[in-house]
Protein backbone atom coordinates (compact mmCIF):
# COMPACT_ATOMS: atom_id res chain seq x y z
CA MET A 1 -23.38 51.38 37.91
CA ARG A 2 -23.87 55.12 38.39
CA LEU A 3 -21.84 57.54 36.26
CA ALA A 4 -18.96 58.79 38.41
CA ALA A 5 -17.86 62.40 38.65
CA SER A 6 -14.39 62.42 37.09
CA SER A 7 -13.28 65.80 38.41
CA PRO A 8 -14.09 68.27 41.21
CA ALA A 9 -17.12 70.50 40.78
CA GLU A 10 -14.81 73.52 40.56
CA GLN A 11 -13.26 72.04 37.41
CA ARG A 12 -16.71 71.54 35.90
CA GLY A 13 -17.58 75.24 36.10
CA GLN A 14 -19.47 74.94 39.41
CA THR A 15 -18.97 75.90 43.02
CA ARG A 16 -18.73 73.15 45.60
CA ASP A 17 -22.23 73.86 46.91
CA SER A 18 -23.87 73.97 43.48
CA VAL A 19 -23.79 70.20 42.97
CA ARG A 20 -27.17 68.51 42.75
CA LEU A 21 -29.07 67.53 45.89
CA LEU A 22 -31.93 65.08 45.94
CA VAL A 23 -34.04 65.42 49.07
CA ALA A 24 -35.99 62.32 50.09
CA THR A 25 -38.61 62.62 52.83
CA THR A 26 -41.68 60.61 53.77
CA ASP A 27 -43.71 63.46 52.21
CA GLY A 28 -42.03 63.18 48.81
CA LEU A 29 -38.91 63.81 46.75
CA ALA A 30 -37.38 67.09 45.64
CA HIS A 31 -34.57 68.07 43.28
CA ALA A 32 -32.42 70.96 44.45
CA ARG A 33 -28.86 72.25 44.71
CA PHE A 34 -26.69 71.66 47.75
CA SER A 35 -26.77 75.39 48.51
CA ASP A 36 -30.53 74.95 49.13
CA LEU A 37 -29.82 72.77 52.19
CA PRO A 38 -31.07 75.41 54.72
CA ARG A 39 -34.53 75.14 53.13
CA PHE A 40 -34.87 71.53 54.24
CA LEU A 41 -33.66 71.81 57.84
CA ILE A 42 -35.38 73.65 60.67
CA PRO A 43 -34.11 75.65 63.65
CA GLY A 44 -32.92 73.31 66.37
CA ASP A 45 -31.77 70.58 64.00
CA LEU A 46 -28.24 69.38 64.69
CA LEU A 47 -25.82 68.84 61.82
CA VAL A 48 -22.83 66.67 62.81
CA VAL A 49 -19.69 66.91 60.66
CA ASN A 50 -16.41 65.02 60.43
CA THR A 51 -13.24 67.03 61.09
CA SER A 52 -10.87 64.39 59.70
CA GLY A 53 -8.47 65.69 57.07
CA THR A 54 -7.33 63.67 54.07
CA LEU A 55 -3.78 62.36 53.82
CA ALA A 56 -1.69 62.21 50.65
CA ALA A 57 -1.92 58.46 51.11
CA ALA A 58 -0.85 57.10 47.68
CA VAL A 59 2.88 56.52 47.21
CA ASP A 60 4.85 55.04 44.31
CA GLY A 61 7.03 52.06 45.18
CA GLN A 62 8.93 49.18 43.68
CA ARG A 63 8.55 45.49 44.39
CA GLY A 64 11.48 43.19 45.04
CA ASP A 65 11.54 42.00 41.42
CA GLY A 66 11.59 45.57 40.10
CA ARG A 67 7.92 45.91 39.18
CA PRO A 68 6.35 49.28 40.00
CA VAL A 69 3.52 49.39 42.52
CA THR A 70 1.27 52.00 44.09
CA VAL A 71 0.89 51.76 47.84
CA HIS A 72 -2.28 53.07 49.49
CA PHE A 73 -1.60 53.82 53.16
CA SER A 74 -4.88 53.12 54.94
CA THR A 75 -4.77 53.05 58.73
CA PRO A 76 -2.10 53.19 61.46
CA LEU A 77 -2.46 50.49 64.10
CA ASP A 78 -1.70 50.95 67.79
CA ASP A 79 1.62 49.07 67.58
CA GLY A 80 3.08 51.40 64.94
CA THR A 81 2.38 49.18 61.94
CA TRP A 82 0.20 50.36 59.05
CA VAL A 83 -2.60 48.74 57.10
CA ALA A 84 -1.91 49.23 53.40
CA GLU A 85 -3.28 48.22 50.01
CA LEU A 86 -1.17 47.47 46.92
CA ARG A 87 -2.34 48.57 43.48
CA GLU A 88 -0.98 48.08 39.98
CA THR A 89 0.30 51.18 38.19
CA SER A 90 -1.64 50.32 35.01
CA GLN A 91 -4.51 52.45 33.80
CA ASP A 92 -7.15 50.42 35.64
CA ARG A 93 -5.13 50.47 38.91
CA SER A 94 -6.27 46.98 39.79
CA ARG A 95 -5.38 45.27 43.07
CA VAL A 96 -2.10 43.39 43.43
CA THR A 97 -3.01 39.77 44.17
CA ASP A 98 0.33 37.93 44.08
CA ALA A 99 2.12 39.55 47.03
CA LYS A 100 3.47 37.31 49.80
CA PRO A 101 4.26 37.78 53.50
CA GLY A 102 7.82 38.94 53.98
CA GLU A 103 8.03 40.81 50.67
CA THR A 104 9.77 44.18 51.00
CA LEU A 105 8.88 47.17 48.84
CA THR A 106 11.21 50.09 48.14
CA LEU A 107 9.63 53.48 48.82
CA PRO A 108 10.83 57.04 48.05
CA GLY A 109 13.41 58.77 50.22
CA GLY A 110 15.16 55.56 51.25
CA ALA A 111 12.14 54.13 53.09
CA SER A 112 10.89 50.56 52.75
CA MET A 113 7.75 48.61 53.57
CA THR A 114 7.66 44.95 54.60
CA LEU A 115 4.43 42.97 54.23
CA LEU A 116 3.81 41.18 57.54
CA PHE A 117 0.45 39.44 57.24
CA ARG A 118 -2.93 39.83 55.59
CA TYR A 119 -5.57 42.04 57.19
CA PRO A 120 -7.98 41.57 58.86
CA ASP A 121 -7.47 37.78 58.68
CA PRO A 122 -5.44 35.22 56.69
CA ALA A 123 -8.33 34.71 54.25
CA ALA A 124 -8.29 38.38 53.16
CA ASP A 125 -6.49 39.21 49.91
CA ARG A 126 -6.71 43.00 49.64
CA LEU A 127 -5.04 44.61 52.67
CA TRP A 128 -1.77 43.98 54.50
CA VAL A 129 -0.36 44.85 57.89
CA THR A 130 3.03 46.37 57.10
CA ALA A 131 6.15 47.65 58.86
CA ILE A 132 7.69 50.91 57.61
CA THR A 133 11.41 51.55 58.08
CA GLY A 134 14.01 54.08 56.95
CA LEU A 135 11.75 57.12 57.12
CA GLY A 136 14.56 59.38 58.26
CA ASN A 137 12.12 61.61 60.18
CA PRO A 138 11.46 59.99 63.57
CA ASP A 139 9.55 63.04 64.81
CA GLY A 140 7.19 63.32 61.84
CA GLY A 141 6.74 59.62 61.19
CA VAL A 142 4.61 58.29 58.36
CA GLU A 143 2.43 61.42 58.11
CA ALA A 144 5.47 63.58 57.37
CA PHE A 145 6.67 60.98 54.87
CA LEU A 146 3.31 61.07 53.08
CA ALA A 147 3.32 64.87 53.03
CA ALA A 148 6.71 64.76 51.31
CA HIS A 149 6.20 61.87 48.90
CA GLY A 150 2.49 61.07 48.64
CA ARG A 151 -0.51 62.20 46.64
CA PRO A 152 -4.27 61.70 47.12
CA ILE A 153 -5.67 58.25 46.42
CA ARG A 154 -7.64 58.14 43.18
CA TYR A 155 -9.21 55.43 41.08
CA SER A 156 -9.65 54.87 37.37
CA TYR A 157 -12.82 56.99 37.18
CA VAL A 158 -10.68 60.05 38.03
CA PRO A 159 -8.18 60.16 35.13
CA ASP A 160 -6.36 63.35 36.17
CA GLU A 161 -4.47 64.23 39.33
CA TRP A 162 -5.85 66.97 41.57
CA PRO A 163 -4.13 68.70 44.49
CA LEU A 164 -4.67 67.53 48.05
CA SER A 165 -6.78 70.65 48.70
CA ALA A 166 -9.42 69.24 46.34
CA TYR A 167 -9.77 66.30 48.73
CA GLN A 168 -10.27 68.36 51.89
CA THR A 169 -13.62 69.53 53.24
CA VAL A 170 -14.26 72.89 54.82
CA PHE A 171 -14.35 71.05 58.16
CA SER A 172 -10.96 69.30 57.78
CA ARG A 173 -8.82 69.90 60.87
CA ASP A 174 -7.28 66.58 61.95
CA PRO A 175 -5.27 64.74 59.25
CA GLY A 176 -5.86 61.01 59.30
CA SER A 177 -8.21 59.77 56.55
CA ALA A 178 -6.83 57.73 53.67
CA GLU A 179 -9.74 58.95 51.58
CA MET A 180 -11.87 62.06 51.96
CA PRO A 181 -15.04 61.95 54.10
CA SER A 182 -16.70 63.13 50.92
CA ALA A 183 -20.23 63.84 52.14
CA GLY A 184 -18.88 67.08 53.59
CA ARG A 185 -17.19 68.22 50.38
CA PRO A 186 -20.09 70.31 49.00
CA PHE A 187 -20.14 72.54 52.09
CA THR A 188 -18.63 76.00 51.84
CA ALA A 189 -17.90 78.44 54.64
CA GLU A 190 -20.76 80.60 53.37
CA LEU A 191 -23.22 77.72 53.44
CA ALA A 192 -22.16 76.75 56.96
CA LEU A 193 -22.77 80.35 58.04
CA ASP A 194 -26.18 80.35 56.35
CA LEU A 195 -27.12 77.21 58.27
CA ILE A 196 -25.97 78.64 61.59
CA THR A 197 -27.83 81.91 61.11
CA SER A 198 -30.98 79.96 60.19
CA GLY A 199 -30.86 78.22 63.57
CA VAL A 200 -29.21 74.93 62.60
CA ILE A 201 -26.51 73.81 65.04
CA ILE A 202 -23.23 72.31 63.78
CA ALA A 203 -21.14 69.98 65.94
CA PRO A 204 -17.97 67.95 65.24
CA ILE A 205 -16.82 64.37 65.53
CA THR A 206 -13.66 62.82 64.09
CA LEU A 207 -13.49 59.50 62.28
CA HIS A 208 -10.42 58.65 60.22
CA ALA A 209 -11.58 56.71 57.18
CA GLY A 210 -9.44 53.96 55.68
CA VAL A 211 -9.31 53.02 52.01
CA ALA A 212 -12.84 52.87 50.65
CA SER A 213 -12.31 50.46 47.76
CA LEU A 214 -14.33 47.70 49.39
CA GLU A 215 -15.06 44.59 47.38
CA ALA A 216 -18.70 43.63 46.77
CA GLY A 217 -20.11 42.34 50.05
CA GLU A 218 -17.03 43.30 52.07
CA GLN A 219 -17.91 44.80 55.45
CA PRO A 220 -16.43 48.10 56.70
CA LEU A 221 -13.17 47.66 58.60
CA PRO A 222 -12.36 49.06 62.08
CA GLU A 223 -11.67 52.79 62.14
CA ARG A 224 -10.46 55.29 64.75
CA PHE A 225 -13.02 57.81 66.00
CA SER A 226 -13.69 60.43 68.64
CA VAL A 227 -16.98 61.95 69.84
CA PRO A 228 -16.28 64.90 72.16
CA GLU A 229 -18.29 65.61 75.30
CA SER A 230 -19.77 68.81 73.83
CA THR A 231 -21.12 66.97 70.80
CA ALA A 232 -22.54 64.17 72.93
CA ARG A 233 -24.44 66.73 75.03
CA LEU A 234 -25.78 68.50 71.93
CA VAL A 235 -26.97 65.23 70.41
CA ASN A 236 -28.83 64.28 73.58
CA LEU A 237 -30.42 67.72 73.90
CA THR A 238 -31.49 67.67 70.25
CA ARG A 239 -33.13 64.28 70.59
CA SER A 240 -34.92 65.30 73.79
CA ALA A 241 -36.36 68.32 71.92
CA ASP A 242 -37.64 66.08 69.09
CA ARG A 243 -35.34 67.68 66.54
CA ARG A 244 -33.23 65.89 63.96
CA VAL A 245 -29.66 64.69 64.36
CA VAL A 246 -28.42 64.87 60.77
CA ALA A 247 -25.14 63.09 60.06
CA VAL A 248 -22.96 64.43 57.26
CA GLY A 249 -21.88 61.12 55.81
CA THR A 250 -21.57 57.49 56.75
CA THR A 251 -18.42 58.22 58.78
CA VAL A 252 -20.34 60.52 61.11
CA THR A 253 -23.16 57.99 61.38
CA ARG A 254 -20.75 55.23 62.35
CA ALA A 255 -19.04 57.41 64.98
CA LEU A 256 -22.27 58.60 66.62
CA GLU A 257 -23.86 55.16 66.66
CA SER A 258 -20.64 53.71 68.12
CA ALA A 259 -20.93 56.18 71.00
CA ALA A 260 -24.60 55.41 71.69
CA ALA A 261 -26.04 53.34 74.50
CA ALA A 262 -28.95 50.96 73.92
CA ASP A 263 -31.46 53.76 74.58
CA GLY A 264 -29.76 56.11 72.12
CA THR A 265 -28.02 58.25 74.71
CA VAL A 266 -24.64 59.35 73.35
CA VAL A 267 -21.60 59.51 75.61
CA ALA A 268 -18.19 61.01 74.88
CA SER A 269 -16.11 58.24 73.31
CA ARG A 270 -12.84 57.64 71.52
CA GLY A 271 -10.96 54.61 70.22
CA TRP A 272 -11.73 52.03 67.56
CA THR A 273 -15.11 51.10 66.15
CA ASP A 274 -15.97 47.92 64.28
CA LEU A 275 -19.70 48.72 64.25
CA VAL A 276 -21.53 47.62 61.11
CA LEU A 277 -24.99 49.15 60.70
CA GLY A 278 -27.65 47.32 58.73
CA ALA A 279 -30.80 45.28 59.07
CA GLU A 280 -29.49 43.66 62.25
CA HIS A 281 -28.35 46.94 63.82
CA ARG A 282 -30.55 49.94 63.11
CA ALA A 283 -29.54 53.51 63.86
CA ARG A 284 -30.49 54.65 67.37
CA VAL A 285 -29.29 58.26 67.19
CA VAL A 286 -29.08 59.56 63.64
CA SER A 287 -32.43 60.65 62.20
CA GLY A 288 -31.24 62.26 58.97
CA LEU A 289 -28.31 61.72 56.65
CA ILE A 290 -26.42 63.61 53.95
CA THR A 291 -24.62 61.21 51.63
CA GLY A 292 -23.10 60.82 48.22
CA TRP A 293 -24.33 58.31 45.66
CA HIS A 294 -22.97 54.78 46.06
CA ASP A 295 -22.85 51.81 43.71
CA PRO A 296 -25.66 49.27 44.26
CA GLU A 297 -23.28 46.62 45.63
CA ALA A 298 -21.61 48.97 48.13
CA SER A 299 -21.89 48.12 51.82
CA HIS A 300 -22.73 51.80 52.44
CA LEU A 301 -26.29 51.16 51.26
CA ALA A 302 -26.99 48.92 54.24
CA LEU A 303 -25.98 51.81 56.50
CA LEU A 304 -28.27 54.22 54.63
CA GLU A 305 -31.15 51.80 55.08
CA ALA A 306 -30.32 51.43 58.79
CA VAL A 307 -30.95 55.17 59.14
CA ALA A 308 -33.68 55.93 56.60
CA GLY A 309 -35.31 52.58 55.93
CA ARG A 310 -35.21 50.54 52.76
CA ALA A 311 -38.31 52.10 51.19
CA LEU A 312 -37.01 55.68 51.36
CA VAL A 313 -33.51 54.77 50.17
CA ARG A 314 -34.90 52.79 47.23
CA ALA A 315 -37.28 55.61 46.34
CA ALA A 316 -34.37 58.07 46.32
CA TYR A 317 -32.23 55.86 44.08
CA ALA A 318 -35.16 55.17 41.75
CA GLU A 319 -35.81 58.90 41.40
CA ALA A 320 -32.12 59.63 40.77
CA ASP A 321 -32.04 56.97 38.04
CA LYS A 322 -35.30 58.00 36.39
CA ALA A 323 -34.96 58.42 32.63
CA GLY A 324 -35.07 62.05 31.59
CA GLY A 325 -34.35 63.32 35.10
CA PRO A 326 -31.24 65.01 36.48
CA ASP A 327 -28.09 62.95 35.98
CA TYR A 328 -26.82 62.45 39.52
CA LEU A 329 -23.08 61.76 39.61
CA GLY A 330 -21.48 59.35 42.07
CA HIS A 331 -18.29 59.06 44.15
CA GLU A 332 -16.27 61.70 45.98
CA PHE A 333 -16.67 64.56 43.47
CA GLY A 334 -20.31 63.79 42.74
CA ASP A 335 -23.76 64.92 43.80
CA SER A 336 -25.57 64.50 47.11
CA CYS A 337 -28.67 63.08 48.69
CA LEU A 338 -30.44 64.21 51.87
CA LEU A 339 -32.43 61.44 53.54
CA LEU A 340 -35.03 62.63 56.06
CA PRO A 341 -37.17 59.76 57.38
CA ALA A 342 -39.91 60.37 59.90
CA ILE A 343 -38.51 61.27 63.32
CA PRO A 344 -39.00 58.28 65.66
C-alpha cells in the first residue's frame, strides 16, 4: 500500500501546487511538480474541473446504549433521507458492524438519527439510509447542522484535525461532497491563470462525492451531478478540433461520461449517475486525466484504465514505486499523476 500523505502540503513546507506530478504519456514518463502542468498541455486543450465544495460531514454521536460513534454524512436522497456511515471513535476509526435497523443515535444540538435500512441493498453492511429529526433549523436543514456541529471526514492516516478550508479546492463553489474531490486540490488561482493565459480552456461540472472509504472490490455508488450546457458545447468543440478533454479527477470523468451519448457527444445533463467505468465501459469523452494515487485494490484504478488503458496506468504506477525514485504520496493530501494516452 502506498505511503499516505498525513497532512496538507502547506503543513509540510510546500505550496499546494508544489506537490509531485508524474506525467505518463505514450512517449514516456516524466517527473515534475504540479506547477509545471502548463508544460504538458497545449493551447486548445480543455481542462474540466469539479465545483463541488466539501461539507463538514463528520459528526460525533451516541448510540442507544451510550457508546460513542462518529457519523459520516454521505449523500442526501430525493426523499429527504440521508445515506450515512457509522465509524468507531477509536484510533483506527473502524466501521461499526453491529448496528440494526430502527436504532436511534443522539446527535449534537438535540438532533437524532434513526437507521432505516441498509444501503444500497440488504446485503450491504457499511452504509445506512437514515432519517434526521430535531434539527431545529428547518430552513438550513442538514447542511446548516453540519456547518454548526461537523468537521471534515478523516481517516487514521491523517492523525491531526485540519480546518474545512484545507479540504476545499480553488474551484469549490457548491457545497455537497462528503469528501473532497481531491484531484483539484493542488491547483492555485495563479496556476489556473497560467493555464488560461497559455491557451488552455477551463470548464466546470459539479459532482457531489459521497464517502470514499470503499471496501476492496466495492463499486462506486450513485452520485448527484450536473454538466451545464456551456461545458457540453466546449467538450464537443474540443473533440471536433482533435484536442484533449482532460478531466481533473475521477468525479469529473464520471460526470462527463454520464452525459455522453454512444458517439461521445456530450449533452447538458443533471441528476443521478450510477455509471461504473472499466473494462466493460471505456471512456468515450475524456482523453486525459489528472488524478491522485490510489491503493492497488481501489475501484478507481478501473476508471483510470478505462481512460488511459491498462498499460499506461501500470507503467505510471511502476515508475512511481521504483526504488530510489521520488516517493509519491497517496490520498487527498498527496501527489498527482497526469495520464495522457494517445488521442483516439
